[in-house]
C-alpha atoms as a PDB file:
ATOM      1  CA  UNK A   1      76.949 130.162  77.999  1.00  0.00           C
ATOM      2  CA  UNK A   2      76.839 127.339  75.525  1.00  0.00           C
ATOM      3  CA  UNK A   3      73.559 128.403  73.915  1.00  0.00           C
ATOM      4  CA  UNK A   4      74.757 131.914  73.047  1.00  0.00           C
ATOM      5  CA  UNK A   5      75.323 131.198  69.366  1.00  0.00           C
ATOM      6  CA  UNK A   6      73.577 132.013  66.123  1.00  0.00           C
ATOM      7  CA  UNK A   7      72.495 128.474  65.252  1.00  0.00           C
ATOM      8  CA  UNK A   8      70.734 127.839  68.571  1.00  0.00           C
ATOM      9  CA  UNK A   9      68.988 131.207  68.592  1.00  0.00           C
ATOM     10  CA  UNK A  10      67.879 130.816  64.956  1.00  0.00           C
ATOM     11  CA  UNK A  11      66.484 127.337  65.667  1.00  0.00           C
ATOM     12  CA  UNK A  12      64.404 128.786  68.497  1.00  0.00           C
ATOM     13  CA  UNK A  13      63.397 131.831  66.449  1.00  0.00           C
ATOM     14  CA  UNK A  14      61.815 129.487  63.901  1.00  0.00           C
ATOM     15  CA  UNK A  15      59.594 128.083  66.696  1.00  0.00           C
ATOM     16  CA  UNK A  16      58.997 131.488  68.334  1.00  0.00           C
ATOM     17  CA  UNK A  17      55.616 132.038  69.967  1.00  0.00           C
ATOM     18  CA  UNK A  18      54.932 135.380  71.594  1.00  0.00           C
ATOM     19  CA  UNK A  19      52.910 135.263  74.801  1.00  0.00           C
ATOM     20  CA  UNK A  20      49.604 137.010  74.146  1.00  0.00           C
ATOM     21  CA  UNK A  21      48.253 139.854  76.275  1.00  0.00           C
ATOM     22  CA  UNK A  22      51.553 140.121  78.081  1.00  0.00           C
ATOM     23  CA  UNK A  23      52.144 143.340  80.008  1.00  0.00           C
ATOM     24  CA  UNK A  24      55.888 143.063  79.333  1.00  0.00           C
ATOM     25  CA  UNK A  25      55.220 143.354  75.618  1.00  0.00           C
ATOM     26  CA  UNK A  26      52.544 146.036  76.013  1.00  0.00           C
ATOM     27  CA  UNK A  27      54.641 148.310  78.242  1.00  0.00           C
ATOM     28  CA  UNK A  28      57.950 147.824  76.430  1.00  0.00           C
ATOM     29  CA  UNK A  29      57.477 150.609  73.871  1.00  0.00           C
ATOM     30  CA  UNK A  30      56.323 153.065  76.542  1.00  0.00           C
ATOM     31  CA  UNK A  31      59.579 152.554  78.436  1.00  0.00           C
ATOM     32  CA  UNK A  32      61.603 152.986  75.239  1.00  0.00           C
ATOM     33  CA  UNK A  33      59.704 156.206  74.428  1.00  0.00           C
ATOM     34  CA  UNK A  34      60.462 157.607  77.881  1.00  0.00           C
ATOM     35  CA  UNK A  35      64.211 157.634  77.184  1.00  0.00           C
ATOM     36  CA  UNK A  36      63.818 158.538  73.500  1.00  0.00           C
ATOM     37  CA  UNK A  37      62.532 161.910  74.716  1.00  0.00           C
ATOM     38  CA  UNK A  38      65.625 162.493  76.858  1.00  0.00           C
ATOM     39  CA  UNK A  39      68.798 163.709  75.173  1.00  0.00           C
ATOM     40  CA  UNK A  40      72.189 162.303  76.052  1.00  0.00           C
ATOM     41  CA  UNK A  41      73.580 164.331  78.904  1.00  0.00           C
ATOM     42  CA  UNK A  42      70.116 165.205  80.216  1.00  0.00           C
ATOM     43  CA  UNK A  43      69.351 162.135  82.337  1.00  0.00           C
ATOM     44  CA  UNK A  44      68.898 163.511  85.846  1.00  0.00           C
ATOM     45  CA  UNK A  45      67.999 162.233  89.307  1.00  0.00           C
ATOM     46  CA  UNK A  46      64.265 162.545  88.548  1.00  0.00           C
ATOM     47  CA  UNK A  47      64.641 160.334  85.451  1.00  0.00           C
ATOM     48  CA  UNK A  48      66.728 157.822  87.401  1.00  0.00           C
ATOM     49  CA  UNK A  49      64.140 157.523  90.170  1.00  0.00           C
ATOM     50  CA  UNK A  50      61.150 157.266  87.808  1.00  0.00           C
ATOM     51  CA  UNK A  51      62.824 154.827  85.396  1.00  0.00           C
ATOM     52  CA  UNK A  52      64.245 152.620  88.135  1.00  0.00           C
ATOM     53  CA  UNK A  53      60.762 152.226  89.560  1.00  0.00           C
ATOM     54  CA  UNK A  54      59.093 151.464  86.246  1.00  0.00           C
ATOM     55  CA  UNK A  55      61.786 148.883  85.506  1.00  0.00           C
ATOM     56  CA  UNK A  56      61.070 147.253  88.855  1.00  0.00           C
ATOM     57  CA  UNK A  57      57.411 147.060  87.861  1.00  0.00           C
ATOM     58  CA  UNK A  58      58.651 144.184  85.687  1.00  0.00           C
ATOM     59  CA  UNK A  59      60.185 142.444  88.688  1.00  0.00           C
ATOM     60  CA  UNK A  60      58.834 140.668  91.765  1.00  0.00           C
ATOM     61  CA  UNK A  61      60.963 142.724  94.177  1.00  0.00           C
ATOM     62  CA  UNK A  62      60.777 146.254  95.536  1.00  0.00           C
ATOM     63  CA  UNK A  63      63.554 148.608  94.502  1.00  0.00           C
ATOM     64  CA  UNK A  64      65.924 150.235  96.960  1.00  0.00           C
ATOM     65  CA  UNK A  65      67.912 153.039  95.329  1.00  0.00           C
ATOM     66  CA  UNK A  66      71.319 153.868  96.720  1.00  0.00           C
ATOM     67  CA  UNK A  67      72.141 157.419  95.631  1.00  0.00           C
ATOM     68  CA  UNK A  68      75.413 157.800  97.547  1.00  0.00           C
ATOM     69  CA  UNK A  69      77.288 158.060  94.218  1.00  0.00           C
ATOM     70  CA  UNK A  70      74.480 159.903  92.438  1.00  0.00           C
ATOM     71  CA  UNK A  71      76.756 162.147  90.362  1.00  0.00           C
ATOM     72  CA  UNK A  72      78.848 159.210  89.130  1.00  0.00           C
ATOM     73  CA  UNK A  73      75.703 157.144  88.429  1.00  0.00           C
ATOM     74  CA  UNK A  74      74.112 159.944  86.410  1.00  0.00           C
ATOM     75  CA  UNK A  75      77.377 160.536  84.548  1.00  0.00           C
ATOM     76  CA  UNK A  76      77.538 156.841  83.596  1.00  0.00           C
ATOM     77  CA  UNK A  77      73.866 156.644  82.581  1.00  0.00           C
ATOM     78  CA  UNK A  78      74.309 159.673  80.327  1.00  0.00           C
ATOM     79  CA  UNK A  79      77.423 158.055  78.859  1.00  0.00           C
ATOM     80  CA  UNK A  80      75.356 154.928  78.133  1.00  0.00           C
ATOM     81  CA  UNK A  81      72.763 157.105  76.382  1.00  0.00           C
ATOM     82  CA  UNK A  82      75.616 158.480  74.233  1.00  0.00           C
ATOM     83  CA  UNK A  83      76.769 154.990  73.235  1.00  0.00           C
ATOM     84  CA  UNK A  84      79.437 154.275  75.866  1.00  0.00           C
ATOM     85  CA  UNK A  85      79.970 150.586  76.595  1.00  0.00           C
ATOM     86  CA  UNK A  86      80.412 150.180  80.316  1.00  0.00           C
ATOM     87  CA  UNK A  87      83.385 148.463  81.903  1.00  0.00           C
ATOM     88  CA  UNK A  88      83.032 145.779  84.555  1.00  0.00           C
ATOM     89  CA  UNK A  89      83.892 148.350  87.253  1.00  0.00           C
ATOM     90  CA  UNK A  90      81.332 150.859  85.930  1.00  0.00           C
ATOM     91  CA  UNK A  91      78.641 148.178  85.893  1.00  0.00           C
ATOM     92  CA  UNK A  92      79.528 147.452  89.507  1.00  0.00           C
ATOM     93  CA  UNK A  93      79.002 151.107  90.465  1.00  0.00           C
ATOM     94  CA  UNK A  94      75.618 151.245  88.737  1.00  0.00           C
ATOM     95  CA  UNK A  95      74.554 147.853  90.061  1.00  0.00           C
ATOM     96  CA  UNK A  96      75.240 148.961  93.637  1.00  0.00           C
ATOM     97  CA  UNK A  97      72.947 151.957  93.197  1.00  0.00           C
ATOM     98  CA  UNK A  98      70.061 150.018  91.627  1.00  0.00           C
ATOM     99  CA  UNK A  99      69.100 147.466  94.294  1.00  0.00           C
ATOM    100  CA  UNK A 100      72.519 145.828  93.886  1.00  0.00           C
ATOM    101  CA  UNK A 101      70.877 143.910  91.039  1.00  0.00           C
ATOM    102  CA  UNK A 102      72.403 143.333  87.632  1.00  0.00           C
ATOM    103  CA  UNK A 103      68.998 142.143  86.395  1.00  0.00           C
ATOM    104  CA  UNK A 104      67.317 145.431  87.316  1.00  0.00           C
ATOM    105  CA  UNK A 105      70.258 147.423  86.003  1.00  0.00           C
ATOM    106  CA  UNK A 106      70.222 145.589  82.661  1.00  0.00           C
ATOM    107  CA  UNK A 107      66.597 146.564  82.126  1.00  0.00           C
ATOM    108  CA  UNK A 108      67.347 150.199  82.885  1.00  0.00           C
ATOM    109  CA  UNK A 109      70.375 150.150  80.553  1.00  0.00           C
ATOM    110  CA  UNK A 110      68.284 148.577  77.785  1.00  0.00           C
ATOM    111  CA  UNK A 111      65.632 151.279  77.949  1.00  0.00           C
ATOM    112  CA  UNK A 112      68.266 154.013  77.989  1.00  0.00           C
ATOM    113  CA  UNK A 113      70.171 152.485  75.048  1.00  0.00           C
ATOM    114  CA  UNK A 114      68.348 149.538  73.429  1.00  0.00           C
ATOM    115  CA  UNK A 115      70.853 149.382  70.571  1.00  0.00           C
ATOM    116  CA  UNK A 116      73.802 148.380  72.770  1.00  0.00           C
ATOM    117  CA  UNK A 117      72.314 146.852  75.929  1.00  0.00           C
ATOM    118  CA  UNK A 118      70.139 143.762  76.271  1.00  0.00           C
ATOM    119  CA  UNK A 119      67.921 142.688  79.126  1.00  0.00           C
ATOM    120  CA  UNK A 120      69.470 140.051  81.374  1.00  0.00           C
ATOM    121  CA  UNK A 121      67.365 137.979  83.781  1.00  0.00           C
ATOM    122  CA  UNK A 122      66.889 134.492  85.201  1.00  0.00           C
ATOM    123  CA  UNK A 123      65.097 133.232  82.066  1.00  0.00           C
ATOM    124  CA  UNK A 124      67.957 134.367  79.840  1.00  0.00           C
ATOM    125  CA  UNK A 125      70.518 132.957  82.263  1.00  0.00           C
ATOM    126  CA  UNK A 126      68.702 129.581  82.383  1.00  0.00           C
ATOM    127  CA  UNK A 127      68.373 129.507  78.584  1.00  0.00           C
ATOM    128  CA  UNK A 128      72.075 130.203  78.087  1.00  0.00           C
ATOM    129  CA  UNK A 129      73.514 127.997  80.800  1.00  0.00           C
ATOM    130  CA  UNK A 130      70.838 125.281  81.140  1.00  0.00           C
ATOM    131  CA  UNK A 131      71.336 125.589  84.913  1.00  0.00           C
ATOM    132  CA  UNK A 132      68.397 125.465  87.291  1.00  0.00           C
ATOM    133  CA  UNK A 133      70.145 127.815  89.722  1.00  0.00           C
ATOM    134  CA  UNK A 134      70.738 131.505  89.010  1.00  0.00           C
ATOM    135  CA  UNK A 135      74.019 131.415  90.908  1.00  0.00           C
ATOM    136  CA  UNK A 136      76.428 133.816  89.195  1.00  0.00           C
ATOM    137  CA  UNK A 137      73.765 135.876  87.411  1.00  0.00           C
ATOM    138  CA  UNK A 138      74.952 139.072  89.175  1.00  0.00           C
ATOM    139  CA  UNK A 139      78.519 138.922  87.837  1.00  0.00           C
ATOM    140  CA  UNK A 140      79.200 142.024  85.684  1.00  0.00           C
ATOM    141  CA  UNK A 141      81.722 140.183  83.488  1.00  0.00           C
ATOM    142  CA  UNK A 142      79.113 137.542  82.634  1.00  0.00           C
ATOM    143  CA  UNK A 143      76.752 140.306  81.513  1.00  0.00           C
ATOM    144  CA  UNK A 144      79.496 141.826  79.351  1.00  0.00           C
ATOM    145  CA  UNK A 145      80.159 138.387  77.821  1.00  0.00           C
ATOM    146  CA  UNK A 146      76.435 138.105  77.094  1.00  0.00           C
ATOM    147  CA  UNK A 147      76.399 141.505  75.352  1.00  0.00           C
ATOM    148  CA  UNK A 148      79.426 140.508  73.300  1.00  0.00           C
ATOM    149  CA  UNK A 149      77.736 137.229  72.329  1.00  0.00           C
ATOM    150  CA  UNK A 150      74.616 139.097  71.206  1.00  0.00           C
ATOM    151  CA  UNK A 151      76.776 141.441  69.155  1.00  0.00           C
ATOM    152  CA  UNK A 152      78.450 138.453  67.463  1.00  0.00           C
ATOM    153  CA  UNK A 153      75.069 136.874  66.674  1.00  0.00           C
ATOM    154  CA  UNK A 154      73.791 140.164  65.211  1.00  0.00           C
ATOM    155  CA  UNK A 155      76.889 140.365  63.006  1.00  0.00           C
ATOM    156  CA  UNK A 156      76.301 136.883  61.538  1.00  0.00           C
ATOM    157  CA  UNK A 157      75.851 137.078  57.764  1.00  0.00           C
ATOM    158  CA  UNK A 158      72.461 135.341  58.087  1.00  0.00           C
ATOM    159  CA  UNK A 159      71.200 137.411  61.014  1.00  0.00           C
ATOM    160  CA  UNK A 160      68.501 139.002  58.823  1.00  0.00           C
ATOM    161  CA  UNK A 161      66.623 135.659  58.729  1.00  0.00           C
ATOM    162  CA  UNK A 162      66.475 135.533  62.526  1.00  0.00           C
ATOM    163  CA  UNK A 163      65.470 139.183  62.801  1.00  0.00           C
ATOM    164  CA  UNK A 164      62.658 138.780  60.274  1.00  0.00           C
ATOM    165  CA  UNK A 165      61.249 135.750  62.129  1.00  0.00           C
ATOM    166  CA  UNK A 166      61.050 137.704  65.381  1.00  0.00           C
ATOM    167  CA  UNK A 167      60.291 141.260  64.256  1.00  0.00           C
ATOM    168  CA  UNK A 168      57.154 140.199  62.373  1.00  0.00           C
ATOM    169  CA  UNK A 169      55.566 139.574  65.805  1.00  0.00           C
ATOM    170  CA  UNK A 170      55.831 143.248  66.762  1.00  0.00           C
ATOM    171  CA  UNK A 171      54.136 146.372  65.470  1.00  0.00           C
ATOM    172  CA  UNK A 172      57.254 148.444  66.068  1.00  0.00           C
ATOM    173  CA  UNK A 173      60.918 148.213  65.127  1.00  0.00           C
ATOM    174  CA  UNK A 174      63.200 146.270  67.442  1.00  0.00           C
ATOM    175  CA  UNK A 175      66.963 146.208  67.706  1.00  0.00           C
ATOM    176  CA  UNK A 176      68.937 142.958  67.468  1.00  0.00           C
ATOM    177  CA  UNK A 177      69.501 143.104  71.239  1.00  0.00           C
ATOM    178  CA  UNK A 178      65.742 142.812  71.742  1.00  0.00           C
ATOM    179  CA  UNK A 179      65.121 140.277  68.972  1.00  0.00           C
ATOM    180  CA  UNK A 180      67.774 137.914  70.330  1.00  0.00           C
ATOM    181  CA  UNK A 181      66.838 138.432  73.985  1.00  0.00           C
ATOM    182  CA  UNK A 182      63.080 137.980  73.452  1.00  0.00           C
ATOM    183  CA  UNK A 183      63.761 134.758  71.532  1.00  0.00           C
ATOM    184  CA  UNK A 184      65.622 133.360  74.543  1.00  0.00           C
ATOM    185  CA  UNK A 185      63.081 134.739  77.032  1.00  0.00           C
ATOM    186  CA  UNK A 186      60.006 133.326  75.285  1.00  0.00           C
ATOM    187  CA  UNK A 187      61.717 129.998  74.536  1.00  0.00           C
ATOM    188  CA  UNK A 188      62.508 129.571  78.228  1.00  0.00           C
ATOM    189  CA  UNK A 189      59.025 130.729  79.268  1.00  0.00           C
ATOM    190  CA  UNK A 190      57.399 128.180  76.956  1.00  0.00           C
ATOM    191  CA  UNK A 191      59.709 125.391  78.156  1.00  0.00           C
ATOM    192  CA  UNK A 192      58.966 126.177  81.800  1.00  0.00           C
ATOM    193  CA  UNK A 193      55.193 126.264  81.203  1.00  0.00           C
ATOM    194  CA  UNK A 194      55.388 122.806  79.575  1.00  0.00           C
ATOM    195  CA  UNK A 195      57.352 121.490  82.552  1.00  0.00           C
ATOM    196  CA  UNK A 196      54.697 122.771  84.980  1.00  0.00           C
ATOM    197  CA  UNK A 197      51.860 121.063  83.118  1.00  0.00           C
END
């Protein structure tokens, strides 16, 4: 993930253009509010079903929940809400239950705990790797490496410059995970729209 570094993200933050009238941007705060109202330890099957479906409203596929390990899944999601950083094995368990998709899972994790978890999708993967294929996007260790890279960028002594460039585009506070991710997402979206023209 050669582009997962402060200098590259800052360069793109300077050129950041937010897509107007975008439902992703408009619905984002509603999804965050949903989990803000739920205390750690209180995420239940109802919340899992509702949230998994609203997350998949952001995706072109239909969700298929696998609740065979429901108790373990709910335990892990509540741990995430409390600040637990998942292991590769734990991500695998959750991924299997949520459409076997790391992309869908990452969105759910972000809304449960936006401070520690960032959204991971094909735009982010393409931005970071410069690959046309999404082969490997579902590897839990790659997602953990991505989260660690975001954490390192957020800890850069000059991170405040990057955050200010991005956060001024929003009417609500955003965590570094979101500021860094949305920079990559919008940069890739704008590149792809230029290619299609």
